[in-house]
Amino acid sequence: DAPRHKTHMNMPIDWPRINQFPEWFTPADGEQYILVNLHNNEETTFTGQQLINGVPLTLLKGTHQFIVRRNI
């Protein structure tokens, strides 16, 4: 998710009582992040823009996938 208060409304901060957008995790463009697959402990590095664009994930029916994000 991108920081919608900045990208859509050009607001400097997300005012919770006035215009709050549901921003769960907003990676910063130009930063790098590590996603850790907790099933096999595999680490993959992504840029903030790649995360904003979306990371493809394929799951088999009935399986779960847990991923943790770490800043570099």
PDB file of N, CA and C in Angstrom:
ATOM      1  N   ASP A   1       0.842  -1.170   0.000  1.00  0.00           N
ATOM      2  CA  ASP A   1       0.000   0.000   0.000  1.00  0.00           C
ATOM      3  C   ASP A   1       0.891   1.239   0.000  1.00  0.00           C
ATOM      4  N   ALA A   2       0.496   2.249  -0.704  1.00  0.00           N
ATOM      5  CA  ALA A   2       1.236   3.519  -0.730  1.00  0.00           C
ATOM      6  C   ALA A   2       0.638   4.459   0.315  1.00  0.00           C
ATOM      7  N   PRO A   3       1.397   5.448   0.776  1.00  0.00           N
ATOM      8  CA  PRO A   3       0.857   6.421   1.731  1.00  0.00           C
ATOM      9  C   PRO A   3      -0.162   7.329   1.047  1.00  0.00           C
ATOM     10  N   ARG A   4      -1.421   6.929   1.098  1.00  0.00           N
ATOM     11  CA  ARG A   4      -2.468   7.605   0.334  1.00  0.00           C
ATOM     12  C   ARG A   4      -2.651   9.072   0.705  1.00  0.00           C
ATOM     13  N   HIS A   5      -2.428   9.402   1.970  1.00  0.00           N
ATOM     14  CA  HIS A   5      -2.591  10.806   2.351  1.00  0.00           C
ATOM     15  C   HIS A   5      -1.604  11.702   1.594  1.00  0.00           C
ATOM     16  N   LYS A   6      -0.440  11.143   1.228  1.00  0.00           N
ATOM     17  CA  LYS A   6       0.547  11.908   0.452  1.00  0.00           C
ATOM     18  C   LYS A   6       0.306  11.776  -1.047  1.00  0.00           C
ATOM     19  N   THR A   7       0.092  10.528  -1.501  1.00  0.00           N
ATOM     20  CA  THR A   7       0.025  10.299  -2.940  1.00  0.00           C
ATOM     21  C   THR A   7      -1.287  10.743  -3.571  1.00  0.00           C
ATOM     22  N   HIS A   8      -2.382  10.718  -2.811  1.00  0.00           N
ATOM     23  CA  HIS A   8      -3.676  11.095  -3.382  1.00  0.00           C
ATOM     24  C   HIS A   8      -4.132  12.491  -2.968  1.00  0.00           C
ATOM     25  N   MET A   9      -3.860  12.860  -1.729  1.00  0.00           N
ATOM     26  CA  MET A   9      -4.371  14.127  -1.203  1.00  0.00           C
ATOM     27  C   MET A   9      -3.291  15.206  -1.047  1.00  0.00           C
ATOM     28  N   ASN A  10      -2.017  14.817  -1.248  1.00  0.00           N
ATOM     29  CA  ASN A  10      -0.887  15.747  -1.077  1.00  0.00           C
ATOM     30  C   ASN A  10      -0.870  16.380   0.312  1.00  0.00           C
ATOM     31  N   MET A  11      -1.237  15.596   1.341  1.00  0.00           N
ATOM     32  CA  MET A  11      -1.236  16.055   2.725  1.00  0.00           C
ATOM     33  C   MET A  11       0.100  15.669   3.359  1.00  0.00           C
ATOM     34  N   PRO A  12       0.681  16.518   4.222  1.00  0.00           N
ATOM     35  CA  PRO A  12       1.971  16.197   4.826  1.00  0.00           C
ATOM     36  C   PRO A  12       1.897  15.061   5.845  1.00  0.00           C
ATOM     37  N   ILE A  13       0.760  14.922   6.553  1.00  0.00           N
ATOM     38  CA  ILE A  13       0.579  13.834   7.507  1.00  0.00           C
ATOM     39  C   ILE A  13      -0.845  13.303   7.387  1.00  0.00           C
ATOM     40  N   ASP A  14      -1.065  12.128   7.957  1.00  0.00           N
ATOM     41  CA  ASP A  14      -2.391  11.516   7.926  1.00  0.00           C
ATOM     42  C   ASP A  14      -3.162  11.974   9.164  1.00  0.00           C
ATOM     43  N   TRP A  15      -4.063  12.920   9.006  1.00  0.00           N
ATOM     44  CA  TRP A  15      -4.840  13.464  10.120  1.00  0.00           C
ATOM     45  C   TRP A  15      -5.902  12.446  10.511  1.00  0.00           C
ATOM     46  N   PRO A  16      -5.786  11.778  11.671  1.00  0.00           N
ATOM     47  CA  PRO A  16      -6.684  10.686  12.019  1.00  0.00           C
ATOM     48  C   PRO A  16      -8.150  11.091  12.142  1.00  0.00           C
ATOM     49  N   ARG A  17      -8.464  12.277  12.587  1.00  0.00           N
ATOM     50  CA  ARG A  17      -9.861  12.629  12.807  1.00  0.00           C
ATOM     51  C   ARG A  17     -10.479  13.352  11.617  1.00  0.00           C
ATOM     52  N   ILE A  18      -9.683  13.714  10.632  1.00  0.00           N
ATOM     53  CA  ILE A  18     -10.215  14.482   9.517  1.00  0.00           C
ATOM     54  C   ILE A  18     -10.276  13.665   8.235  1.00  0.00           C
ATOM     55  N   ASN A  19      -9.158  13.104   7.828  1.00  0.00           N
ATOM     56  CA  ASN A  19      -9.109  12.449   6.514  1.00  0.00           C
ATOM     57  C   ASN A  19      -8.345  11.142   6.529  1.00  0.00           C
ATOM     58  N   GLN A  20      -8.422  10.409   7.622  1.00  0.00           N
ATOM     59  CA  GLN A  20      -7.574   9.224   7.725  1.00  0.00           C
ATOM     60  C   GLN A  20      -7.922   8.175   6.677  1.00  0.00           C
ATOM     61  N   PHE A  21      -6.888   7.687   6.007  1.00  0.00           N
ATOM     62  CA  PHE A  21      -7.005   6.603   5.057  1.00  0.00           C
ATOM     63  C   PHE A  21      -6.530   5.319   5.741  1.00  0.00           C
ATOM     64  N   PRO A  22      -7.063   4.159   5.382  1.00  0.00           N
ATOM     65  CA  PRO A  22      -6.598   2.901   5.978  1.00  0.00           C
ATOM     66  C   PRO A  22      -5.256   2.482   5.369  1.00  0.00           C
ATOM     67  N   GLU A  23      -4.179   2.955   5.953  1.00  0.00           N
ATOM     68  CA  GLU A  23      -2.830   2.648   5.469  1.00  0.00           C
ATOM     69  C   GLU A  23      -2.208   1.623   6.421  1.00  0.00           C
ATOM     70  N   TRP A  24      -2.138   0.372   5.997  1.00  0.00           N
ATOM     71  CA  TRP A  24      -1.638  -0.675   6.877  1.00  0.00           C
ATOM     72  C   TRP A  24      -0.125  -0.690   6.934  1.00  0.00           C
ATOM     73  N   PHE A  25       0.502  -0.801   5.826  1.00  0.00           N
ATOM     74  CA  PHE A  25       1.965  -0.767   5.744  1.00  0.00           C
ATOM     75  C   PHE A  25       2.304   0.023   4.501  1.00  0.00           C
ATOM     76  N   THR A  26       2.999   1.107   4.676  1.00  0.00           N
ATOM     77  CA  THR A  26       3.308   1.954   3.531  1.00  0.00           C
ATOM     78  C   THR A  26       4.821   2.023   3.339  1.00  0.00           C
ATOM     79  N   PRO A  27       5.351   1.224   2.416  1.00  0.00           N
ATOM     80  CA  PRO A  27       6.783   1.287   2.147  1.00  0.00           C
ATOM     81  C   PRO A  27       7.144   2.612   1.494  1.00  0.00           C
ATOM     82  N   ALA A  28       8.356   3.047   1.749  1.00  0.00           N
ATOM     83  CA  ALA A  28       8.840   4.295   1.165  1.00  0.00           C
ATOM     84  C   ALA A  28       9.552   4.006  -0.152  1.00  0.00           C
ATOM     85  N   ASP A  29       9.215   4.766  -1.166  1.00  0.00           N
ATOM     86  CA  ASP A  29       9.888   4.638  -2.449  1.00  0.00           C
ATOM     87  C   ASP A  29      11.354   5.023  -2.233  1.00  0.00           C
ATOM     88  N   GLY A  30      12.260   4.242  -2.757  1.00  0.00           N
ATOM     89  CA  GLY A  30      13.676   4.523  -2.583  1.00  0.00           C
ATOM     90  C   GLY A  30      14.303   3.759  -1.420  1.00  0.00           C
ATOM     91  N   GLU A  31      13.488   3.147  -0.553  1.00  0.00           N
ATOM     92  CA  GLU A  31      14.000   2.311   0.536  1.00  0.00           C
ATOM     93  C   GLU A  31      14.013   0.858   0.088  1.00  0.00           C
ATOM     94  N   GLN A  32      14.753   0.019   0.806  1.00  0.00           N
ATOM     95  CA  GLN A  32      14.769  -1.406   0.518  1.00  0.00           C
ATOM     96  C   GLN A  32      14.266  -2.167   1.734  1.00  0.00           C
ATOM     97  N   TYR A  33      13.587  -3.279   1.472  1.00  0.00           N
ATOM     98  CA  TYR A  33      12.988  -4.079   2.527  1.00  0.00           C
ATOM     99  C   TYR A  33      13.275  -5.549   2.273  1.00  0.00           C
ATOM    100  N   ILE A  34      13.383  -6.309   3.346  1.00  0.00           N
ATOM    101  CA  ILE A  34      13.568  -7.754   3.245  1.00  0.00           C
ATOM    102  C   ILE A  34      12.261  -8.407   3.673  1.00  0.00           C
ATOM    103  N   LEU A  35      11.748  -9.314   2.831  1.00  0.00           N
ATOM    104  CA  LEU A  35      10.602 -10.131   3.207  1.00  0.00           C
ATOM    105  C   LEU A  35      11.134 -11.520   3.523  1.00  0.00           C
ATOM    106  N   VAL A  36      10.781 -12.029   4.699  1.00  0.00           N
ATOM    107  CA  VAL A  36      11.249 -13.336   5.152  1.00  0.00           C
ATOM    108  C   VAL A  36      10.079 -14.306   5.119  1.00  0.00           C
ATOM    109  N   ASN A  37      10.218 -15.369   4.334  1.00  0.00           N
ATOM    110  CA  ASN A  37       9.236 -16.437   4.272  1.00  0.00           C
ATOM    111  C   ASN A  37       9.469 -17.324   5.488  1.00  0.00           C
ATOM    112  N   LEU A  38       8.524 -17.345   6.428  1.00  0.00           N
ATOM    113  CA  LEU A  38       8.718 -18.094   7.664  1.00  0.00           C
ATOM    114  C   LEU A  38       8.584 -19.599   7.483  1.00  0.00           C
ATOM    115  N   HIS A  39       8.104 -20.038   6.321  1.00  0.00           N
ATOM    116  CA  HIS A  39       7.990 -21.479   6.066  1.00  0.00           C
ATOM    117  C   HIS A  39       9.355 -22.092   5.760  1.00  0.00           C
ATOM    118  N   ASN A  40      10.146 -21.400   4.916  1.00  0.00           N
ATOM    119  CA  ASN A  40      11.446 -21.953   4.529  1.00  0.00           C
ATOM    120  C   ASN A  40      12.621 -21.036   4.889  1.00  0.00           C
ATOM    121  N   ASN A  41      12.341 -19.959   5.623  1.00  0.00           N
ATOM    122  CA  ASN A  41      13.363 -19.003   6.072  1.00  0.00           C
ATOM    123  C   ASN A  41      14.072 -18.290   4.927  1.00  0.00           C
ATOM    124  N   GLU A  42      13.470 -18.276   3.747  1.00  0.00           N
ATOM    125  CA  GLU A  42      14.049 -17.608   2.584  1.00  0.00           C
ATOM    126  C   GLU A  42      13.836 -16.102   2.694  1.00  0.00           C
ATOM    127  N   GLU A  43      14.889 -15.342   2.429  1.00  0.00           N
ATOM    128  CA  GLU A  43      14.813 -13.883   2.455  1.00  0.00           C
ATOM    129  C   GLU A  43      14.902 -13.330   1.040  1.00  0.00           C
ATOM    130  N   THR A  44      14.040 -12.356   0.727  1.00  0.00           N
ATOM    131  CA  THR A  44      14.056 -11.705  -0.574  1.00  0.00           C
ATOM    132  C   THR A  44      14.024 -10.209  -0.354  1.00  0.00           C
ATOM    133  N   THR A  45      14.876  -9.480  -1.063  1.00  0.00           N
ATOM    134  CA  THR A  45      14.950  -8.028  -0.931  1.00  0.00           C
ATOM    135  C   THR A  45      14.122  -7.369  -2.027  1.00  0.00           C
ATOM    136  N   PHE A  46      13.326  -6.371  -1.637  1.00  0.00           N
ATOM    137  CA  PHE A  46      12.498  -5.609  -2.570  1.00  0.00           C
ATOM    138  C   PHE A  46      12.684  -4.128  -2.303  1.00  0.00           C
ATOM    139  N   THR A  47      12.518  -3.333  -3.343  1.00  0.00           N
ATOM    140  CA  THR A  47      12.479  -1.887  -3.148  1.00  0.00           C
ATOM    141  C   THR A  47      11.076  -1.505  -2.678  1.00  0.00           C
ATOM    142  N   GLY A  48      10.952  -0.325  -2.106  1.00  0.00           N
ATOM    143  CA  GLY A  48       9.651   0.165  -1.706  1.00  0.00           C
ATOM    144  C   GLY A  48       8.691   0.234  -2.873  1.00  0.00           C
ATOM    145  N   GLN A  49       9.177   0.658  -4.034  1.00  0.00           N
ATOM    146  CA  GLN A  49       8.314   0.760  -5.210  1.00  0.00           C
ATOM    147  C   GLN A  49       7.824  -0.607  -5.660  1.00  0.00           C
ATOM    148  N   GLN A  50       8.669  -1.630  -5.576  1.00  0.00           N
ATOM    149  CA  GLN A  50       8.230  -2.984  -5.927  1.00  0.00           C
ATOM    150  C   GLN A  50       7.101  -3.441  -5.001  1.00  0.00           C
ATOM    151  N   LEU A  51       7.204  -3.136  -3.711  1.00  0.00           N
ATOM    152  CA  LEU A  51       6.151  -3.523  -2.774  1.00  0.00           C
ATOM    153  C   LEU A  51       4.872  -2.742  -3.035  1.00  0.00           C
ATOM    154  N   ILE A  52       5.000  -1.460  -3.375  1.00  0.00           N
ATOM    155  CA  ILE A  52       3.820  -0.654  -3.700  1.00  0.00           C
ATOM    156  C   ILE A  52       3.129  -1.224  -4.934  1.00  0.00           C
ATOM    157  N   ASN A  53       3.915  -1.658  -5.929  1.00  0.00           N
ATOM    158  CA  ASN A  53       3.352  -2.234  -7.159  1.00  0.00           C
ATOM    159  C   ASN A  53       2.745  -3.612  -6.923  1.00  0.00           C
ATOM    160  N   GLY A  54       3.203  -4.299  -5.886  1.00  0.00           N
ATOM    161  CA  GLY A  54       2.684  -5.624  -5.555  1.00  0.00           C
ATOM    162  C   GLY A  54       3.690  -6.716  -5.853  1.00  0.00           C
ATOM    163  N   VAL A  55       3.721  -7.719  -5.008  1.00  0.00           N
ATOM    164  CA  VAL A  55       4.625  -8.852  -5.159  1.00  0.00           C
ATOM    165  C   VAL A  55       3.764 -10.088  -5.419  1.00  0.00           C
ATOM    166  N   PRO A  56       3.994 -10.790  -6.529  1.00  0.00           N
ATOM    167  CA  PRO A  56       3.172 -11.972  -6.811  1.00  0.00           C
ATOM    168  C   PRO A  56       3.437 -13.088  -5.805  1.00  0.00           C
ATOM    169  N   LEU A  57       2.371 -13.773  -5.436  1.00  0.00           N
ATOM    170  CA  LEU A  57       2.464 -14.873  -4.491  1.00  0.00           C
ATOM    171  C   LEU A  57       1.482 -15.950  -4.929  1.00  0.00           C
ATOM    172  N   THR A  58       1.956 -17.182  -5.026  1.00  0.00           N
ATOM    173  CA  THR A  58       1.109 -18.298  -5.419  1.00  0.00           C
ATOM    174  C   THR A  58       1.016 -19.273  -4.259  1.00  0.00           C
ATOM    175  N   LEU A  59      -0.213 -19.639  -3.902  1.00  0.00           N
ATOM    176  CA  LEU A  59      -0.438 -20.593  -2.816  1.00  0.00           C
ATOM    177  C   LEU A  59      -1.248 -21.767  -3.325  1.00  0.00           C
ATOM    178  N   LEU A  60      -0.953 -22.931  -2.790  1.00  0.00           N
ATOM    179  CA  LEU A  60      -1.777 -24.097  -3.058  1.00  0.00           C
ATOM    180  C   LEU A  60      -2.989 -24.049  -2.142  1.00  0.00           C
ATOM    181  N   LYS A  61      -4.094 -24.575  -2.602  1.00  0.00           N
ATOM    182  CA  LYS A  61      -5.319 -24.588  -1.815  1.00  0.00           C
ATOM    183  C   LYS A  61      -5.077 -25.251  -0.454  1.00  0.00           C
ATOM    184  N   GLY A  62      -5.518 -24.575   0.594  1.00  0.00           N
ATOM    185  CA  GLY A  62      -5.401 -25.116   1.945  1.00  0.00           C
ATOM    186  C   GLY A  62      -4.080 -24.841   2.634  1.00  0.00           C
ATOM    187  N   THR A  63      -3.184 -24.093   1.990  1.00  0.00           N
ATOM    188  CA  THR A  63      -1.898 -23.786   2.619  1.00  0.00           C
ATOM    189  C   THR A  63      -1.911 -22.365   3.162  1.00  0.00           C
ATOM    190  N   HIS A  64      -0.992 -22.085   4.063  1.00  0.00           N
ATOM    191  CA  HIS A  64      -0.839 -20.759   4.641  1.00  0.00           C
ATOM    192  C   HIS A  64       0.566 -20.246   4.334  1.00  0.00           C
ATOM    193  N   GLN A  65       0.681 -18.952   4.252  1.00  0.00           N
ATOM    194  CA  GLN A  65       1.989 -18.333   4.005  1.00  0.00           C
ATOM    195  C   GLN A  65       2.168 -17.196   4.997  1.00  0.00           C
ATOM    196  N   PHE A  66       3.254 -17.229   5.737  1.00  0.00           N
ATOM    197  CA  PHE A  66       3.560 -16.169   6.689  1.00  0.00           C
ATOM    198  C   PHE A  66       4.830 -15.475   6.253  1.00  0.00           C
ATOM    199  N   ILE A  67       4.753 -14.161   6.129  1.00  0.00           N
ATOM    200  CA  ILE A  67       5.893 -13.362   5.683  1.00  0.00           C
ATOM    201  C   ILE A  67       6.091 -12.229   6.671  1.00  0.00           C
ATOM    202  N   VAL A  68       7.342 -11.983   7.029  1.00  0.00           N
ATOM    203  CA  VAL A  68       7.696 -10.895   7.935  1.00  0.00           C
ATOM    204  C   VAL A  68       8.507  -9.885   7.153  1.00  0.00           C
ATOM    205  N   ARG A  69       8.289  -8.607   7.416  1.00  0.00           N
ATOM    206  CA  ARG A  69       9.030  -7.535   6.752  1.00  0.00           C
ATOM    207  C   ARG A  69      10.084  -6.986   7.701  1.00  0.00           C
ATOM    208  N   ARG A  70      11.279  -6.777   7.170  1.00  0.00           N
ATOM    209  CA  ARG A  70      12.354  -6.132   7.913  1.00  0.00           C
ATOM    210  C   ARG A  70      12.930  -5.024   7.061  1.00  0.00           C
ATOM    211  N   ASN A  71      13.199  -3.890   7.672  1.00  0.00           N
ATOM    212  CA  ASN A  71      13.908  -2.812   6.960  1.00  0.00           C
ATOM    213  C   ASN A  71      15.377  -3.144   6.904  1.00  0.00           C
ATOM    214  N   ILE A  72      16.027  -2.738   5.825  1.00  0.00           N
ATOM    215  CA  ILE A  72      17.477  -2.961   5.705  1.00  0.00           C
ATOM    216  C   ILE A  72      18.186  -1.845   6.442  1.00  0.00           C
TER     217      ILE A  72
END
